[in-house]
């Protein structure tokens, strides 16, 4: 990339929020339409479409020096197209793939390694970056230790992310491994591989193991589940308690990981109420 300045395009909502949390908001030049947090910093940043349908023509016009992507959230074809651009207009592609809350510390280190000494970054900004990174990692370490000390009874959990068809998460995803911190084991008991649709399996609705589900969590994203879907979910798993949960807090890695662990501890300790949304 010929431009001397640091210009970051984030194609992942979690990473956009993390970039701002690390003090790099002045270098953020593009985002997706789903990158909505923190709103006061990103509202005026140009949008490039969605995570799956990135406007590569706009990305090229903006002239980013770095593009942040994620294995689960962006298409491989998008990355391959960018890689095929001429060298003088090709940004550095930063590929991320945290698959558990513990991986967030390494994710933060990855961004520090990429940006701390990047051309065009001021020494003061680098100092803020390193300080905030350390603060985030310390908060994460403390929250992981605090959560690990909690003893919760094992529950079989169905975490639903979509309806029509019903879709859930495999056990090697970030969401499933987050839930495991309070001894909530997701069903079905499958891993979905490193990439691809198998990481988010679809349900037929007649699987025998649905009778073994203790708790159904209806996520607020990517499908916007509401109280109107509680009865449907209850019919799917008649022996389970059903809750609406904040999908951003439980699935966005980065600064929200700490909040996600706190929310899970709260959920695990609350009386089970199927019709009440628990706020973080």
Protein backbone atom coordinates (compact mmCIF):
# COMPACT_ATOMS: atom_id res chain seq x y z
CA UNK A 1 0.00 0.00 0.00
CA UNK A 2 1.58 3.29 -1.07
CA UNK A 3 -0.29 5.58 1.35
CA UNK A 4 1.84 6.37 4.42
CA UNK A 5 -1.06 6.71 6.82
CA UNK A 6 -2.82 4.07 8.87
CA UNK A 7 -6.36 3.64 7.48
CA UNK A 8 -8.36 0.77 8.95
CA UNK A 9 -11.42 -0.82 7.35
CA UNK A 10 -13.23 -3.25 9.63
CA UNK A 11 -15.55 -5.83 8.10
CA UNK A 12 -16.51 -7.30 11.50
CA UNK A 13 -18.74 -5.60 14.12
CA UNK A 14 -16.79 -7.02 17.08
CA UNK A 15 -13.49 -5.84 15.63
CA UNK A 16 -14.84 -2.36 14.90
CA UNK A 17 -15.77 -2.01 18.55
CA UNK A 18 -12.39 -3.37 19.61
CA UNK A 19 -10.53 -0.91 17.36
CA UNK A 20 -12.31 1.97 19.09
CA UNK A 21 -11.71 0.46 22.54
CA UNK A 22 -8.00 0.35 21.73
CA UNK A 23 -7.98 4.07 20.92
CA UNK A 24 -7.65 3.74 17.15
CA UNK A 25 -10.95 5.40 16.20
CA UNK A 26 -9.23 8.24 14.33
CA UNK A 27 -7.74 5.67 11.96
CA UNK A 28 -11.03 3.87 11.25
CA UNK A 29 -12.13 4.81 7.72
CA UNK A 30 -14.72 2.13 6.80
CA UNK A 31 -17.07 -0.40 8.40
CA UNK A 32 -20.03 -2.62 7.57
CA UNK A 33 -23.63 -1.64 8.17
CA UNK A 34 -23.68 -4.07 11.11
CA UNK A 35 -20.80 -2.25 12.84
CA UNK A 36 -23.00 -0.09 15.05
CA UNK A 37 -21.01 0.14 18.31
CA UNK A 38 -19.91 2.39 19.81
CA UNK A 39 -22.44 4.54 17.96
CA UNK A 40 -20.94 7.91 18.91
CA UNK A 41 -17.69 6.95 17.18
CA UNK A 42 -18.89 4.97 14.17
CA UNK A 43 -22.03 6.78 13.04
CA UNK A 44 -20.12 8.94 10.54
CA UNK A 45 -17.75 6.23 9.31
CA UNK A 46 -18.59 5.14 5.71
CA UNK A 47 -20.38 1.80 5.32
CA UNK A 48 -19.29 -0.94 2.91
CA UNK A 49 -22.41 -3.12 2.86
CA UNK A 50 -22.67 -6.19 5.08
CA UNK A 51 -20.22 -8.73 6.43
CA UNK A 52 -21.15 -11.20 3.69
CA UNK A 53 -21.75 -8.73 0.84
CA UNK A 54 -18.93 -6.21 1.13
CA UNK A 55 -18.86 -3.37 -1.39
CA UNK A 56 -15.33 -3.96 -2.60
CA UNK A 57 -15.55 -1.08 -5.07
CA UNK A 58 -16.15 1.32 -2.17
CA UNK A 59 -13.37 -0.31 -0.14
CA UNK A 60 -10.97 0.25 -3.00
CA UNK A 61 -12.02 3.88 -3.37
CA UNK A 62 -11.48 4.55 0.33
CA UNK A 63 -7.91 3.31 0.13
CA UNK A 64 -7.58 1.43 3.40
CA UNK A 65 -4.11 0.37 4.50
CA UNK A 66 -5.50 -2.53 6.59
CA UNK A 67 -8.68 -4.61 6.38
CA UNK A 68 -9.91 -6.57 9.41
CA UNK A 69 -11.75 -9.80 8.65
CA UNK A 70 -12.95 -12.88 10.52
CA UNK A 71 -13.06 -16.52 9.41
CA UNK A 72 -16.66 -17.04 10.54
CA UNK A 73 -18.16 -13.71 9.59
CA UNK A 74 -16.67 -12.92 6.18
CA UNK A 75 -16.61 -14.89 2.97
CA UNK A 76 -13.37 -16.43 1.74
CA UNK A 77 -14.24 -15.11 -1.72
CA UNK A 78 -14.11 -11.55 -0.36
CA UNK A 79 -10.59 -12.08 0.96
CA UNK A 80 -9.44 -13.73 -2.27
CA UNK A 81 -10.73 -10.78 -4.31
CA UNK A 82 -8.82 -8.29 -2.19
CA UNK A 83 -5.68 -10.43 -2.40
CA UNK A 84 -5.92 -10.21 -6.20
CA UNK A 85 -5.76 -6.42 -6.27
CA UNK A 86 -2.59 -4.79 -7.65
CA UNK A 87 0.11 -4.44 -5.01
CA UNK A 88 -0.03 -0.63 -4.99
CA UNK A 89 -3.72 -0.63 -3.99
CA UNK A 90 -3.83 -3.83 -1.92
CA UNK A 91 -4.38 -3.37 1.83
CA UNK A 92 -2.91 -5.67 4.45
CA UNK A 93 -5.56 -8.25 5.36
CA UNK A 94 -5.69 -9.03 9.08
CA UNK A 95 -7.43 -12.40 9.54
CA UNK A 96 -8.90 -13.15 12.97
CA UNK A 97 -10.52 -16.29 14.38
CA UNK A 98 -11.09 -16.28 18.16
CA UNK A 99 -12.98 -19.43 19.10
CA UNK A 100 -13.19 -19.06 22.88
CA UNK A 101 -13.16 -16.25 25.46
CA UNK A 102 -9.56 -17.17 26.29
CA UNK A 103 -8.59 -16.37 22.69
CA UNK A 104 -9.49 -12.69 23.08
CA UNK A 105 -6.18 -11.87 24.78
CA UNK A 106 -4.33 -13.24 21.75
CA UNK A 107 -6.67 -11.28 19.46
CA UNK A 108 -5.79 -8.07 21.30
CA UNK A 109 -2.08 -8.90 21.06
CA UNK A 110 -2.53 -9.54 17.34
CA UNK A 111 -3.97 -6.06 16.75
CA UNK A 112 -1.28 -4.43 18.88
CA UNK A 113 1.40 -6.21 16.86
CA UNK A 114 -0.15 -5.01 13.60
CA UNK A 115 -0.87 -1.40 14.54
CA UNK A 116 1.55 -0.28 17.27
CA UNK A 117 4.37 0.46 14.85
CA UNK A 118 2.32 0.98 11.68
CA UNK A 119 3.32 3.87 9.39
CA UNK A 120 1.41 7.04 10.19
CA UNK A 121 0.53 6.21 13.81
CA UNK A 122 1.58 8.80 16.39
CA UNK A 123 3.68 7.82 19.38
CA UNK A 124 0.92 9.04 21.71
CA UNK A 125 -1.61 6.82 19.96
CA UNK A 126 0.71 3.83 20.25
CA UNK A 127 1.03 4.50 23.98
CA UNK A 128 -2.75 4.61 24.39
CA UNK A 129 -3.07 1.44 22.30
CA UNK A 130 -0.67 -0.49 24.52
CA UNK A 131 -2.21 0.83 27.75
CA UNK A 132 -5.76 0.00 26.72
CA UNK A 133 -4.73 -3.41 25.45
CA UNK A 134 -3.19 -4.22 28.80
CA UNK A 135 -6.27 -2.98 30.64
CA UNK A 136 -8.60 -5.10 28.48
CA UNK A 137 -6.46 -8.20 28.94
CA UNK A 138 -6.28 -7.72 32.69
CA UNK A 139 -10.06 -7.31 32.94
CA UNK A 140 -10.51 -10.42 30.81
CA UNK A 141 -8.07 -12.46 32.89
CA UNK A 142 -9.79 -11.46 36.12
CA UNK A 143 -13.27 -12.21 34.77
CA UNK A 144 -12.23 -15.60 33.41
CA UNK A 145 -10.76 -16.50 36.81
CA UNK A 146 -13.87 -15.27 38.61
CA UNK A 147 -16.15 -17.23 36.30
CA UNK A 148 -14.02 -20.36 36.51
CA UNK A 149 -14.37 -20.33 40.29
CA UNK A 150 -18.15 -20.43 40.09
CA UNK A 151 -19.73 -23.85 40.49
CA UNK A 152 -22.86 -24.26 38.40
CA UNK A 153 -24.87 -27.42 37.77
CA UNK A 154 -24.50 -28.77 34.26
CA UNK A 155 -27.30 -27.87 31.88
CA UNK A 156 -27.93 -28.95 28.31
CA UNK A 157 -28.51 -25.75 26.34
CA UNK A 158 -29.89 -25.04 22.88
CA UNK A 159 -28.65 -21.63 21.72
CA UNK A 160 -30.78 -20.55 18.77
CA UNK A 161 -29.43 -18.00 16.30
CA UNK A 162 -31.99 -18.37 13.50
CA UNK A 163 -35.55 -19.41 12.74
CA UNK A 164 -36.86 -20.86 9.46
CA UNK A 165 -34.94 -23.12 9.73
CA UNK A 166 -33.91 -23.26 13.35
CA UNK A 167 -30.14 -22.88 13.58
CA UNK A 168 -27.79 -23.29 16.51
CA UNK A 169 -24.05 -23.46 17.29
CA UNK A 170 -21.53 -26.28 17.25
CA UNK A 171 -19.43 -26.92 20.33
CA UNK A 172 -16.20 -25.53 18.89
CA UNK A 173 -17.64 -22.05 18.32
CA UNK A 174 -16.96 -18.99 20.45
CA UNK A 175 -20.57 -18.92 21.68
CA UNK A 176 -20.61 -22.55 22.81
CA UNK A 177 -17.27 -22.20 24.57
CA UNK A 178 -18.50 -19.04 26.27
CA UNK A 179 -21.53 -20.91 27.63
CA UNK A 180 -19.30 -23.74 28.82
CA UNK A 181 -17.76 -21.37 31.39
CA UNK A 182 -20.90 -21.75 33.51
CA UNK A 183 -21.14 -25.48 32.74
CA UNK A 184 -23.78 -25.04 30.04
CA UNK A 185 -23.14 -27.63 27.33
CA UNK A 186 -24.67 -26.89 23.95
CA UNK A 187 -26.63 -29.45 21.99
CA UNK A 188 -26.20 -31.06 19.55
CA UNK A 189 -22.93 -32.53 20.83
CA UNK A 190 -21.01 -31.88 17.61
CA UNK A 191 -18.01 -29.88 16.46
CA UNK A 192 -18.37 -28.06 13.19
CA UNK A 193 -14.82 -27.97 11.89
CA UNK A 194 -12.64 -24.89 11.53
CA UNK A 195 -14.82 -23.14 8.93
CA UNK A 196 -18.09 -23.48 7.09
CA UNK A 197 -21.81 -23.94 7.66
CA UNK A 198 -21.36 -27.01 9.87
CA UNK A 199 -20.30 -24.68 12.66
CA UNK A 200 -23.90 -23.43 12.76
CA UNK A 201 -26.08 -26.53 12.21
CA UNK A 202 -29.70 -26.38 11.14
CA UNK A 203 -32.37 -28.39 12.97
CA UNK A 204 -35.26 -30.36 11.59
CA UNK A 205 -37.23 -29.89 14.80
CA UNK A 206 -37.78 -33.62 15.37
CA UNK A 207 -34.35 -34.57 16.77
CA UNK A 208 -34.72 -36.96 19.76
CA UNK A 209 -32.15 -35.03 21.81
CA UNK A 210 -34.41 -31.96 21.90
CA UNK A 211 -36.22 -33.66 24.79
CA UNK A 212 -32.95 -33.52 26.77
CA UNK A 213 -32.57 -29.75 26.51
CA UNK A 214 -32.75 -28.04 29.91
CA UNK A 215 -32.62 -24.47 28.66
CA UNK A 216 -33.25 -22.71 25.35
CA UNK A 217 -31.57 -19.36 24.74
CA UNK A 218 -33.09 -17.19 22.01
CA UNK A 219 -30.43 -14.77 20.82
CA UNK A 220 -31.23 -11.19 19.84
CA UNK A 221 -28.96 -11.61 16.81
CA UNK A 222 -28.44 -12.44 14.01
CA UNK A 223 -32.16 -13.32 14.13
CA UNK A 224 -34.04 -10.80 16.25
CA UNK A 225 -35.88 -13.17 18.55
CA UNK A 226 -38.53 -11.55 20.75
CA UNK A 227 -41.16 -12.62 23.28
CA UNK A 228 -43.38 -13.54 20.32
CA UNK A 229 -41.13 -16.57 19.70
CA UNK A 230 -41.13 -17.98 23.23
CA UNK A 231 -44.04 -20.36 22.65
CA UNK A 232 -42.50 -21.71 19.44
CA UNK A 233 -39.24 -22.42 21.20
CA UNK A 234 -41.08 -24.01 24.11
CA UNK A 235 -42.87 -26.34 21.70
CA UNK A 236 -39.52 -27.28 20.17
CA UNK A 237 -38.11 -28.23 23.59
CA UNK A 238 -41.09 -28.96 25.86
CA UNK A 239 -38.95 -29.86 28.89
CA UNK A 240 -36.80 -26.72 28.78
CA UNK A 241 -36.86 -23.27 30.26
CA UNK A 242 -36.77 -20.58 27.55
CA UNK A 243 -34.99 -17.22 27.83
CA UNK A 244 -34.30 -14.28 25.56
CA UNK A 245 -30.65 -13.22 25.73
CA UNK A 246 -28.50 -10.40 24.42
CA UNK A 247 -26.68 -11.94 21.47
CA UNK A 248 -24.22 -9.06 21.17
CA UNK A 249 -22.98 -9.55 24.72
CA UNK A 250 -22.66 -13.33 24.35
CA UNK A 251 -21.21 -13.53 20.83
CA UNK A 252 -19.16 -10.35 20.25
CA UNK A 253 -15.55 -11.04 21.20
CA UNK A 254 -13.38 -8.19 22.42
CA UNK A 255 -14.47 -5.64 25.03
CA UNK A 256 -17.85 -7.42 25.36
CA UNK A 257 -16.30 -10.71 26.44
CA UNK A 258 -16.05 -9.50 30.03
CA UNK A 259 -19.69 -8.39 29.97
CA UNK A 260 -20.68 -11.72 28.44
CA UNK A 261 -19.08 -13.69 31.24
CA UNK A 262 -20.77 -11.49 33.83
CA UNK A 263 -24.13 -11.93 32.12
CA UNK A 264 -23.74 -15.70 32.10
CA UNK A 265 -22.98 -15.77 35.80
CA UNK A 266 -26.10 -13.71 36.40
CA UNK A 267 -28.23 -15.96 34.21
CA UNK A 268 -26.89 -19.08 35.85
CA UNK A 269 -27.73 -17.75 39.29
CA UNK A 270 -31.19 -16.33 38.60
CA UNK A 271 -34.47 -18.15 39.21
CA UNK A 272 -35.59 -19.52 35.88
CA UNK A 273 -38.18 -17.24 34.34
CA UNK A 274 -39.11 -18.08 30.79
CA UNK A 275 -40.73 -14.80 29.82
CA UNK A 276 -38.25 -12.24 31.11
CA UNK A 277 -35.29 -10.86 29.22
CA UNK A 278 -32.21 -10.47 31.36
CA UNK A 279 -30.26 -7.30 30.70
CA UNK A 280 -26.46 -7.23 30.99
